[in-house]
Amino acid sequence: MASREPRNSLTLFGKVDAVLGIFSMGMEFPSEEHLCLPRSLQLTNTLSFGGRLFYYFGRFSWYLFESSDQIYLKYCQSSQVKPNLVSTDQGVKGFWIGSPRAKFVGIFFHGGGFAMDGTKSHIDLCLELQRSLDQNGIELAWFYSTYTLMPHATYPTQFCEAVETLNYILHDLRRDPSEVILAGDSAGANLCLAILSHMTHPATGAPRLIVQEPLKAIALISPWVSFDHNWPSVRRNEHKDIEATDATALWSRIYLDVNPTNYYTEAARAPEEWWKEAKVQHTLVLAGEDEILLDPITAWVSNFQV
């Protein structure tokens, strides 16, 4: 099934403009009208088709798509850029888009329900954000995480790898938290919020994470904050959003495996008090008005900005 183009979608340049605002806004949290933008984001279109394949054909769909590493190496070859891939004993995997010595470092976690790899659209988004910021005199490099996917691993593996990724940036590279941004879409945004929770409420069994100062920012595109399909927006938008509820239900069950859900896996479950000491200076949340998860995203925002 070919993916459809959403009406009034937030364009790539619209996303760039939104993230540019992180570097110009003050300490105030964005007002709610900035949090819910028209239609589901274009980035989800690519993911949904792959998601349906994973649902119906299982792990065989892995062989139908290029990996993030393959897409990155093709980009490096065509752009005559030296590849900079990273793999550490602590489980950190990914690659650099730009210099690790740039003024700001963004850690990007791609979406895909923890089942599908990142796409060319994800890398293109990082590149366009980098170029646009550079034109505004802001130097940003991305560390693009290629965390382990299902079915090779389930929770808490991805969460632990995400924590170690931030440790790698802060401690191995000795970057100041005020220069670090967490960003991601869907399941990747889920990991961003899991890290944010872990910074103030250390999770049992997760790697130690010491962050003395707030991070520069967190940017979330359609964050997967709830696995519950009983929200009104799920029923209201089931035939509008290109995401398939049968696939997301399967992904969440596989991801949790034998583990009970918690505030690290479903941020919308966490109460207001949980977020009061969140260590981040600026927060940007993008969601489409016809997304199935609009209601849980809105509920999480209400708890977070109190």
C-alpha atoms as a PDB file:
ATOM      1  CA  MET A   1       0.000   0.000   0.000  1.00  0.00           C
ATOM      2  CA  ALA A   2       1.499   3.324  -1.039  1.00  0.00           C
ATOM      3  CA  SER A   3       1.730   5.971   1.658  1.00  0.00           C
ATOM      4  CA  ARG A   4      -0.565   8.927   1.186  1.00  0.00           C
ATOM      5  CA  GLU A   5       0.432  12.573   1.374  1.00  0.00           C
ATOM      6  CA  PRO A   6      -1.267  14.254   4.343  1.00  0.00           C
ATOM      7  CA  ARG A   7      -3.170  17.474   3.767  1.00  0.00           C
ATOM      8  CA  ASN A   8      -1.627  20.611   5.271  1.00  0.00           C
ATOM      9  CA  SER A   9       1.291  18.549   6.561  1.00  0.00           C
ATOM     10  CA  LEU A  10       4.191  20.133   8.345  1.00  0.00           C
ATOM     11  CA  THR A  11       6.861  20.329   5.662  1.00  0.00           C
ATOM     12  CA  LEU A  12      10.528  19.568   6.189  1.00  0.00           C
ATOM     13  CA  PHE A  13      11.177  23.309   6.292  1.00  0.00           C
ATOM     14  CA  GLY A  14       8.347  23.710   8.787  1.00  0.00           C
ATOM     15  CA  LYS A  15      10.073  21.226  11.068  1.00  0.00           C
ATOM     16  CA  VAL A  16      13.357  23.077  10.593  1.00  0.00           C
ATOM     17  CA  ASP A  17      11.714  26.381  11.509  1.00  0.00           C
ATOM     18  CA  ALA A  18      10.212  24.850  14.641  1.00  0.00           C
ATOM     19  CA  VAL A  19      13.541  23.486  15.856  1.00  0.00           C
ATOM     20  CA  LEU A  20      15.286  26.776  15.040  1.00  0.00           C
ATOM     21  CA  GLY A  21      13.021  28.293  17.658  1.00  0.00           C
ATOM     22  CA  ILE A  22      14.782  26.280  20.364  1.00  0.00           C
ATOM     23  CA  PHE A  23      17.849  28.445  19.900  1.00  0.00           C
ATOM     24  CA  SER A  24      15.975  31.764  20.005  1.00  0.00           C
ATOM     25  CA  MET A  25      13.281  31.305  22.664  1.00  0.00           C
ATOM     26  CA  GLY A  26      13.659  32.189  26.310  1.00  0.00           C
ATOM     27  CA  MET A  27      13.139  29.940  29.285  1.00  0.00           C
ATOM     28  CA  GLU A  28       9.350  29.810  28.919  1.00  0.00           C
ATOM     29  CA  PHE A  29       7.666  26.581  27.858  1.00  0.00           C
ATOM     30  CA  PRO A  30       5.948  26.865  24.442  1.00  0.00           C
ATOM     31  CA  SER A  31       2.241  27.592  24.651  1.00  0.00           C
ATOM     32  CA  GLU A  32      -0.139  24.748  23.830  1.00  0.00           C
ATOM     33  CA  GLU A  33      -1.118  26.109  20.436  1.00  0.00           C
ATOM     34  CA  HIS A  34       2.458  25.507  19.324  1.00  0.00           C
ATOM     35  CA  LEU A  35       2.351  21.893  20.437  1.00  0.00           C
ATOM     36  CA  CYS A  36      -0.382  20.571  18.165  1.00  0.00           C
ATOM     37  CA  LEU A  37       0.280  21.227  14.503  1.00  0.00           C
ATOM     38  CA  PRO A  38      -1.870  20.334  11.452  1.00  0.00           C
ATOM     39  CA  ARG A  39      -2.028  16.728  10.307  1.00  0.00           C
ATOM     40  CA  SER A  40       0.325  13.893  11.025  1.00  0.00           C
ATOM     41  CA  LEU A  41       3.924  14.572  10.165  1.00  0.00           C
ATOM     42  CA  GLN A  42       5.335  13.462   6.830  1.00  0.00           C
ATOM     43  CA  LEU A  43       8.077  11.526   8.561  1.00  0.00           C
ATOM     44  CA  THR A  44       5.568   8.953   9.802  1.00  0.00           C
ATOM     45  CA  ASN A  45       4.481   8.056   6.275  1.00  0.00           C
ATOM     46  CA  THR A  46       7.645   6.131   5.510  1.00  0.00           C
ATOM     47  CA  LEU A  47       7.572   4.346   8.846  1.00  0.00           C
ATOM     48  CA  SER A  48       4.002   3.114   8.605  1.00  0.00           C
ATOM     49  CA  PHE A  49       4.519   1.130   5.404  1.00  0.00           C
ATOM     50  CA  GLY A  50       7.497  -0.608   6.973  1.00  0.00           C
ATOM     51  CA  GLY A  51       5.478  -1.129  10.134  1.00  0.00           C
ATOM     52  CA  ARG A  52       2.752  -2.977   8.271  1.00  0.00           C
ATOM     53  CA  LEU A  53       5.355  -5.199   6.623  1.00  0.00           C
ATOM     54  CA  PHE A  54       6.829  -6.019  10.011  1.00  0.00           C
ATOM     55  CA  TYR A  55       3.377  -6.817  11.352  1.00  0.00           C
ATOM     56  CA  TYR A  56       2.452  -9.178   8.534  1.00  0.00           C
ATOM     57  CA  PHE A  57       5.820 -10.619   7.560  1.00  0.00           C
ATOM     58  CA  GLY A  58       7.782 -10.409  10.797  1.00  0.00           C
ATOM     59  CA  ARG A  59      11.535 -10.270  10.692  1.00  0.00           C
ATOM     60  CA  PHE A  60      11.655 -10.949   6.926  1.00  0.00           C
ATOM     61  CA  SER A  61      10.800  -7.277   6.353  1.00  0.00           C
ATOM     62  CA  TRP A  62      14.262  -6.435   7.714  1.00  0.00           C
ATOM     63  CA  TYR A  63      15.767  -7.557   4.425  1.00  0.00           C
ATOM     64  CA  LEU A  64      13.540  -5.308   2.300  1.00  0.00           C
ATOM     65  CA  PHE A  65      15.028  -2.022   3.495  1.00  0.00           C
ATOM     66  CA  GLU A  66      18.469  -0.480   3.734  1.00  0.00           C
ATOM     67  CA  SER A  67      19.847  -0.042   7.229  1.00  0.00           C
ATOM     68  CA  SER A  68      20.606   3.386   8.659  1.00  0.00           C
ATOM     69  CA  ASP A  69      24.315   2.613   8.371  1.00  0.00           C
ATOM     70  CA  GLN A  70      23.947   1.772   4.672  1.00  0.00           C
ATOM     71  CA  ILE A  71      22.014   4.978   4.005  1.00  0.00           C
ATOM     72  CA  TYR A  72      24.619   6.966   5.929  1.00  0.00           C
ATOM     73  CA  LEU A  73      27.537   5.432   4.027  1.00  0.00           C
ATOM     74  CA  LYS A  74      25.830   6.225   0.722  1.00  0.00           C
ATOM     75  CA  TYR A  75      25.385   9.819   1.873  1.00  0.00           C
ATOM     76  CA  CYS A  76      29.064  10.018   2.865  1.00  0.00           C
ATOM     77  CA  GLN A  77      30.157   8.627  -0.488  1.00  0.00           C
ATOM     78  CA  SER A  78      27.965  10.963  -2.525  1.00  0.00           C
ATOM     79  CA  SER A  79      28.910  13.990  -0.401  1.00  0.00           C
ATOM     80  CA  GLN A  80      32.597  13.050  -0.170  1.00  0.00           C
ATOM     81  CA  VAL A  81      32.403  13.058   3.618  1.00  0.00           C
ATOM     82  CA  LYS A  82      34.543  10.732   5.723  1.00  0.00           C
ATOM     83  CA  PRO A  83      32.263   8.310   7.622  1.00  0.00           C
ATOM     84  CA  ASN A  84      32.441   8.463  11.407  1.00  0.00           C
ATOM     85  CA  LEU A  85      30.747   5.379  12.843  1.00  0.00           C
ATOM     86  CA  VAL A  86      30.843   4.648  16.566  1.00  0.00           C
ATOM     87  CA  SER A  87      30.538   1.400  18.510  1.00  0.00           C
ATOM     88  CA  THR A  88      31.511   1.131  22.178  1.00  0.00           C
ATOM     89  CA  ASP A  89      31.766  -1.655  24.734  1.00  0.00           C
ATOM     90  CA  GLN A  90      28.874  -0.025  26.608  1.00  0.00           C
ATOM     91  CA  GLY A  91      26.475  -0.677  23.726  1.00  0.00           C
ATOM     92  CA  VAL A  92      26.557   2.729  22.073  1.00  0.00           C
ATOM     93  CA  LYS A  93      26.073   2.475  18.303  1.00  0.00           C
ATOM     94  CA  GLY A  94      25.608   5.207  15.757  1.00  0.00           C
ATOM     95  CA  PHE A  95      27.319   7.692  13.496  1.00  0.00           C
ATOM     96  CA  TRP A  96      28.199  11.359  13.348  1.00  0.00           C
ATOM     97  CA  ILE A  97      26.656  13.885  11.001  1.00  0.00           C
ATOM     98  CA  GLY A  98      29.064  16.781  11.446  1.00  0.00           C
ATOM     99  CA  SER A  99      31.986  17.268  13.785  1.00  0.00           C
ATOM    100  CA  PRO A 100      31.791  16.022  17.397  1.00  0.00           C
ATOM    101  CA  ARG A 101      33.507  19.310  18.289  1.00  0.00           C
ATOM    102  CA  ALA A 102      30.608  21.451  17.028  1.00  0.00           C
ATOM    103  CA  LYS A 103      29.206  24.066  19.415  1.00  0.00           C
ATOM    104  CA  PHE A 104      26.028  22.025  19.956  1.00  0.00           C
ATOM    105  CA  VAL A 105      25.517  18.270  19.769  1.00  0.00           C
ATOM    106  CA  GLY A 106      22.141  16.723  19.060  1.00  0.00           C
ATOM    107  CA  ILE A 107      21.462  13.063  19.819  1.00  0.00           C
ATOM    108  CA  PHE A 108      18.838  11.742  17.423  1.00  0.00           C
ATOM    109  CA  PHE A 109      16.813   8.595  18.125  1.00  0.00           C
ATOM    110  CA  HIS A 110      14.774   7.494  15.117  1.00  0.00           C
ATOM    111  CA  GLY A 111      11.228   6.170  15.302  1.00  0.00           C
ATOM    112  CA  GLY A 112       9.828   2.934  13.949  1.00  0.00           C
ATOM    113  CA  GLY A 113       8.138   1.263  16.905  1.00  0.00           C
ATOM    114  CA  PHE A 114      11.464  -0.169  18.130  1.00  0.00           C
ATOM    115  CA  ALA A 115      11.022  -2.616  15.241  1.00  0.00           C
ATOM    116  CA  MET A 116      11.983  -0.733  12.091  1.00  0.00           C
ATOM    117  CA  ASP A 117      15.288   0.916  11.305  1.00  0.00           C
ATOM    118  CA  GLY A 118      15.631   4.593  10.542  1.00  0.00           C
ATOM    119  CA  THR A 119      15.005   5.824   7.014  1.00  0.00           C
ATOM    120  CA  LYS A 120      16.566   8.260   4.585  1.00  0.00           C
ATOM    121  CA  SER A 121      13.915  10.763   5.716  1.00  0.00           C
ATOM    122  CA  HIS A 122      15.366  10.713   9.221  1.00  0.00           C
ATOM    123  CA  ILE A 123      18.882  11.417   8.000  1.00  0.00           C
ATOM    124  CA  ASP A 124      17.628  14.073   5.578  1.00  0.00           C
ATOM    125  CA  LEU A 125      15.851  15.792   8.472  1.00  0.00           C
ATOM    126  CA  CYS A 126      19.068  15.871  10.503  1.00  0.00           C
ATOM    127  CA  LEU A 127      21.015  17.222   7.536  1.00  0.00           C
ATOM    128  CA  GLU A 128      18.470  19.931   6.766  1.00  0.00           C
ATOM    129  CA  LEU A 129      18.318  21.052  10.380  1.00  0.00           C
ATOM    130  CA  GLN A 130      22.096  21.175  10.464  1.00  0.00           C
ATOM    131  CA  ARG A 131      22.289  23.251   7.273  1.00  0.00           C
ATOM    132  CA  SER A 132      19.555  25.651   8.336  1.00  0.00           C
ATOM    133  CA  LEU A 133      21.121  26.241  11.730  1.00  0.00           C
ATOM    134  CA  ASP A 134      24.501  26.788  10.087  1.00  0.00           C
ATOM    135  CA  GLN A 135      22.953  29.478   7.891  1.00  0.00           C
ATOM    136  CA  ASN A 136      21.848  31.170  11.105  1.00  0.00           C
ATOM    137  CA  GLY A 137      25.331  31.007  12.584  1.00  0.00           C
ATOM    138  CA  ILE A 138      24.636  28.030  14.862  1.00  0.00           C
ATOM    139  CA  GLU A 139      26.984  25.044  14.628  1.00  0.00           C
ATOM    140  CA  LEU A 140      25.258  21.724  15.325  1.00  0.00           C
ATOM    141  CA  ALA A 141      26.415  18.144  14.846  1.00  0.00           C
ATOM    142  CA  TRP A 142      24.202  15.095  15.192  1.00  0.00           C
ATOM    143  CA  PHE A 143      25.015  11.787  16.786  1.00  0.00           C
ATOM    144  CA  TYR A 144      22.504   9.480  15.104  1.00  0.00           C
ATOM    145  CA  SER A 145      21.833   6.469  17.325  1.00  0.00           C
ATOM    146  CA  THR A 146      21.406   3.045  15.729  1.00  0.00           C
ATOM    147  CA  TYR A 147      20.090   1.339  18.840  1.00  0.00           C
ATOM    148  CA  THR A 148      19.241  -2.378  18.811  1.00  0.00           C
ATOM    149  CA  LEU A 149      15.870  -3.209  17.269  1.00  0.00           C
ATOM    150  CA  MET A 150      13.299  -5.907  17.911  1.00  0.00           C
ATOM    151  CA  PRO A 151      13.206  -8.865  17.688  1.00  0.00           C
ATOM    152  CA  HIS A 152      16.931  -8.937  18.520  1.00  0.00           C
ATOM    153  CA  ALA A 153      16.302  -7.217  21.855  1.00  0.00           C
ATOM    154  CA  THR A 154      13.427  -5.843  23.908  1.00  0.00           C
ATOM    155  CA  TYR A 155      13.041  -3.470  26.844  1.00  0.00           C
ATOM    156  CA  PRO A 156      15.137  -2.397  28.687  1.00  0.00           C
ATOM    157  CA  THR A 157      17.929  -2.880  26.123  1.00  0.00           C
ATOM    158  CA  GLN A 158      16.987   0.124  23.980  1.00  0.00           C
ATOM    159  CA  PHE A 159      16.523   2.296  27.067  1.00  0.00           C
ATOM    160  CA  CYS A 160      19.912   1.262  28.475  1.00  0.00           C
ATOM    161  CA  GLU A 161      21.629   1.923  25.147  1.00  0.00           C
ATOM    162  CA  ALA A 162      20.007   5.364  24.981  1.00  0.00           C
ATOM    163  CA  VAL A 163      21.279   6.204  28.471  1.00  0.00           C
ATOM    164  CA  GLU A 164      24.779   5.043  27.546  1.00  0.00           C
ATOM    165  CA  THR A 165      24.595   7.196  24.422  1.00  0.00           C
ATOM    166  CA  LEU A 166      24.084  10.306  26.538  1.00  0.00           C
ATOM    167  CA  ASN A 167      26.882   9.125  28.849  1.00  0.00           C
ATOM    168  CA  TYR A 168      29.129   8.808  25.801  1.00  0.00           C
ATOM    169  CA  ILE A 169      28.449  12.408  24.781  1.00  0.00           C
ATOM    170  CA  LEU A 170      28.673  13.917  28.266  1.00  0.00           C
ATOM    171  CA  HIS A 171      31.498  11.906  29.785  1.00  0.00           C
ATOM    172  CA  ASP A 172      33.544  10.264  27.035  1.00  0.00           C
ATOM    173  CA  LEU A 173      33.499  13.414  24.891  1.00  0.00           C
ATOM    174  CA  ARG A 174      33.290  15.738  27.906  1.00  0.00           C
ATOM    175  CA  ARG A 175      30.458  17.818  26.476  1.00  0.00           C
ATOM    176  CA  ASP A 176      28.595  20.268  28.696  1.00  0.00           C
ATOM    177  CA  PRO A 177      24.886  19.431  29.198  1.00  0.00           C
ATOM    178  CA  SER A 178      23.982  22.972  28.106  1.00  0.00           C
ATOM    179  CA  GLU A 179      25.365  22.086  24.664  1.00  0.00           C
ATOM    180  CA  VAL A 180      23.416  18.837  24.257  1.00  0.00           C
ATOM    181  CA  ILE A 181      19.994  18.315  22.667  1.00  0.00           C
ATOM    182  CA  LEU A 182      17.898  15.145  22.711  1.00  0.00           C
ATOM    183  CA  ALA A 183      15.654  14.668  19.680  1.00  0.00           C
ATOM    184  CA  GLY A 184      13.563  11.921  18.151  1.00  0.00           C
ATOM    185  CA  ASP A 185      10.280  10.914  16.606  1.00  0.00           C
ATOM    186  CA  SER A 186       7.747   8.350  17.815  1.00  0.00           C
ATOM    187  CA  ALA A 187       9.661   5.505  19.517  1.00  0.00           C
ATOM    188  CA  GLY A 188      12.809   7.619  19.379  1.00  0.00           C
ATOM    189  CA  ALA A 189      11.009  10.382  21.267  1.00  0.00           C
ATOM    190  CA  ASN A 190       9.906   7.692  23.737  1.00  0.00           C
ATOM    191  CA  LEU A 191      13.587   7.036  24.458  1.00  0.00           C
ATOM    192  CA  CYS A 192      14.262  10.767  24.883  1.00  0.00           C
ATOM    193  CA  LEU A 193      11.608  10.957  27.594  1.00  0.00           C
ATOM    194  CA  ALA A 194      12.883   7.766  29.221  1.00  0.00           C
ATOM    195  CA  ILE A 195      16.310   9.397  29.499  1.00  0.00           C
ATOM    196  CA  LEU A 196      14.768  12.577  30.902  1.00  0.00           C
ATOM    197  CA  SER A 197      12.966  10.514  33.555  1.00  0.00           C
ATOM    198  CA  HIS A 198      16.125   8.590  34.400  1.00  0.00           C
ATOM    199  CA  MET A 199      18.034  11.828  35.002  1.00  0.00           C
ATOM    200  CA  THR A 200      15.855  12.721  38.008  1.00  0.00           C
ATOM    201  CA  HIS A 201      14.396   9.307  38.891  1.00  0.00           C
ATOM    202  CA  PRO A 202      17.117   6.666  38.322  1.00  0.00           C
ATOM    203  CA  ALA A 203      15.620   3.440  36.996  1.00  0.00           C
ATOM    204  CA  THR A 204      16.572   0.152  38.611  1.00  0.00           C
ATOM    205  CA  GLY A 205      18.904  -1.847  36.392  1.00  0.00           C
ATOM    206  CA  ALA A 206      19.689   1.024  34.021  1.00  0.00           C
ATOM    207  CA  PRO A 207      23.198   2.471  33.625  1.00  0.00           C
ATOM    208  CA  ARG A 208      24.169   5.224  36.029  1.00  0.00           C
ATOM    209  CA  LEU A 209      23.645   8.703  34.600  1.00  0.00           C
ATOM    210  CA  ILE A 210      24.983  11.780  36.373  1.00  0.00           C
ATOM    211  CA  VAL A 211      23.918  15.115  34.891  1.00  0.00           C
ATOM    212  CA  GLN A 212      24.604  18.117  37.095  1.00  0.00           C
ATOM    213  CA  GLU A 213      23.019  20.754  34.854  1.00  0.00           C
ATOM    214  CA  PRO A 214      19.973  20.800  32.563  1.00  0.00           C
ATOM    215  CA  LEU A 215      20.348  19.744  28.953  1.00  0.00           C
ATOM    216  CA  LYS A 216      20.013  22.472  26.331  1.00  0.00           C
ATOM    217  CA  ALA A 217      16.775  21.130  24.855  1.00  0.00           C
ATOM    218  CA  ILE A 218      14.587  18.191  23.999  1.00  0.00           C
ATOM    219  CA  ALA A 219      12.707  18.070  20.673  1.00  0.00           C
ATOM    220  CA  LEU A 220       9.954  15.482  20.289  1.00  0.00           C
ATOM    221  CA  ILE A 221       8.133  14.665  17.055  1.00  0.00           C
ATOM    222  CA  SER A 222       4.931  12.685  17.625  1.00  0.00           C
ATOM    223  CA  PRO A 223       6.272  11.124  20.838  1.00  0.00           C
ATOM    224  CA  TRP A 224       5.007   7.612  21.603  1.00  0.00           C
ATOM    225  CA  VAL A 225       3.953   8.362  25.178  1.00  0.00           C
ATOM    226  CA  SER A 226       1.242   5.719  25.592  1.00  0.00           C
ATOM    227  CA  PHE A 227       0.673   2.131  24.472  1.00  0.00           C
ATOM    228  CA  ASP A 228      -3.005   2.357  25.462  1.00  0.00           C
ATOM    229  CA  HIS A 229      -5.467   2.421  22.540  1.00  0.00           C
ATOM    230  CA  ASN A 230      -8.435   3.521  24.665  1.00  0.00           C
ATOM    231  CA  TRP A 231      -7.780   7.225  24.194  1.00  0.00           C
ATOM    232  CA  PRO A 232     -10.576   9.039  22.282  1.00  0.00           C
ATOM    233  CA  SER A 233      -8.136  10.251  19.609  1.00  0.00           C
ATOM    234  CA  VAL A 234      -7.316   6.630  18.719  1.00  0.00           C
ATOM    235  CA  ARG A 235     -10.927   5.953  17.805  1.00  0.00           C
ATOM    236  CA  ARG A 236     -11.459   9.424  16.338  1.00  0.00           C
ATOM    237  CA  ASN A 237      -8.412   9.320  14.072  1.00  0.00           C
ATOM    238  CA  GLU A 238      -8.057   5.601  13.383  1.00  0.00           C
ATOM    239  CA  HIS A 239      -8.948   6.084   9.715  1.00  0.00           C
ATOM    240  CA  LYS A 240      -7.127   9.409   9.363  1.00  0.00           C
ATOM    241  CA  ASP A 241      -3.690   8.616  10.741  1.00  0.00           C
ATOM    242  CA  ILE A 242      -1.546   6.434   8.509  1.00  0.00           C
ATOM    243  CA  GLU A 243      -0.225   4.550  11.551  1.00  0.00           C
ATOM    244  CA  ALA A 244      -1.830   1.107  11.943  1.00  0.00           C
ATOM    245  CA  THR A 245      -3.131   0.393  15.443  1.00  0.00           C
ATOM    246  CA  ASP A 246      -2.688  -3.361  14.988  1.00  0.00           C
ATOM    247  CA  ALA A 247       1.009  -2.836  14.302  1.00  0.00           C
ATOM    248  CA  THR A 248       1.598  -0.446  17.197  1.00  0.00           C
ATOM    249  CA  ALA A 249      -0.247  -2.783  19.564  1.00  0.00           C
ATOM    250  CA  LEU A 250       2.009  -5.650  18.485  1.00  0.00           C
ATOM    251  CA  TRP A 251       5.158  -3.552  18.768  1.00  0.00           C
ATOM    252  CA  SER A 252       4.384  -2.410  22.309  1.00  0.00           C
ATOM    253  CA  ARG A 253       3.687  -5.989  23.462  1.00  0.00           C
ATOM    254  CA  ILE A 254       6.924  -7.266  21.953  1.00  0.00           C
ATOM    255  CA  TYR A 255       8.889  -4.313  23.313  1.00  0.00           C
ATOM    256  CA  LEU A 256       7.718  -4.827  26.898  1.00  0.00           C
ATOM    257  CA  ASP A 257       8.155  -8.605  26.621  1.00  0.00           C
ATOM    258  CA  VAL A 258       7.670  -9.936  30.170  1.00  0.00           C
ATOM    259  CA  ASN A 259       8.192  -6.530  31.791  1.00  0.00           C
ATOM    260  CA  PRO A 260       5.329  -4.496  33.248  1.00  0.00           C
ATOM    261  CA  THR A 261       4.862  -1.043  31.791  1.00  0.00           C
ATOM    262  CA  ASN A 262       6.182   1.941  33.750  1.00  0.00           C
ATOM    263  CA  TYR A 263       6.864   5.669  33.546  1.00  0.00           C
ATOM    264  CA  TYR A 264      10.001   5.057  31.463  1.00  0.00           C
ATOM    265  CA  THR A 265       8.114   3.175  28.755  1.00  0.00           C
ATOM    266  CA  GLU A 266       4.911   5.244  28.819  1.00  0.00           C
ATOM    267  CA  ALA A 267       5.563   8.862  29.757  1.00  0.00           C
ATOM    268  CA  ALA A 268       1.847   9.704  29.731  1.00  0.00           C
ATOM    269  CA  ARG A 269       1.385   7.515  32.818  1.00  0.00           C
ATOM    270  CA  ALA A 270       3.717   9.656  34.936  1.00  0.00           C
ATOM    271  CA  PRO A 271       2.017  12.214  37.217  1.00  0.00           C
ATOM    272  CA  GLU A 272       2.758  15.936  37.290  1.00  0.00           C
ATOM    273  CA  GLU A 273       5.129  15.588  40.246  1.00  0.00           C
ATOM    274  CA  TRP A 274       7.350  13.230  38.262  1.00  0.00           C
ATOM    275  CA  TRP A 275       8.364  15.995  35.841  1.00  0.00           C
ATOM    276  CA  LYS A 276       8.787  18.936  38.206  1.00  0.00           C
ATOM    277  CA  GLU A 277      12.578  18.665  38.387  1.00  0.00           C
ATOM    278  CA  ALA A 278      13.126  17.702  34.738  1.00  0.00           C
ATOM    279  CA  LYS A 279      16.650  18.700  33.754  1.00  0.00           C
ATOM    280  CA  VAL A 280      16.103  20.456  30.441  1.00  0.00           C
ATOM    281  CA  GLN A 281      16.099  24.143  29.516  1.00  0.00           C
ATOM    282  CA  HIS A 282      13.790  24.102  26.495  1.00  0.00           C
ATOM    283  CA  THR A 283      11.176  21.661  25.234  1.00  0.00           C
ATOM    284  CA  LEU A 284       9.609  21.404  21.782  1.00  0.00           C
ATOM    285  CA  VAL A 285       6.754  18.983  21.059  1.00  0.00           C
ATOM    286  CA  LEU A 286       5.238  18.494  17.602  1.00  0.00           C
ATOM    287  CA  ALA A 287       2.036  16.532  17.027  1.00  0.00           C
ATOM    288  CA  GLY A 288      -0.552  16.277  14.254  1.00  0.00           C
ATOM    289  CA  GLU A 289      -4.197  17.103  14.902  1.00  0.00           C
ATOM    290  CA  ASP A 290      -5.284  13.854  13.217  1.00  0.00           C
ATOM    291  CA  GLU A 291      -2.805  11.589  14.998  1.00  0.00           C
ATOM    292  CA  ILE A 292      -4.177   8.619  16.897  1.00  0.00           C
ATOM    293  CA  LEU A 293      -1.952   9.528  19.848  1.00  0.00           C
ATOM    294  CA  LEU A 294      -2.856  13.213  19.965  1.00  0.00           C
ATOM    295  CA  ASP A 295      -4.757  12.864  23.260  1.00  0.00           C
ATOM    296  CA  PRO A 296      -2.002  11.099  25.221  1.00  0.00           C
ATOM    297  CA  ILE A 297       0.562  13.554  23.834  1.00  0.00           C
ATOM    298  CA  THR A 298      -1.616  16.464  24.941  1.00  0.00           C
ATOM    299  CA  ALA A 299      -2.125  14.838  28.353  1.00  0.00           C
ATOM    300  CA  TRP A 300       1.610  14.387  28.796  1.00  0.00           C
ATOM    301  CA  VAL A 301       2.248  18.013  27.838  1.00  0.00           C
ATOM    302  CA  SER A 302      -0.281  19.157  30.439  1.00  0.00           C
ATOM    303  CA  ASN A 303       1.531  17.177  33.129  1.00  0.00           C
ATOM    304  CA  PHE A 304       4.974  18.231  31.984  1.00  0.00           C
ATOM    305  CA  GLN A 305       4.444  21.987  31.826  1.00  0.00           C
ATOM    306  CA  VAL A 306       2.841  22.316  35.280  1.00  0.00           C
END
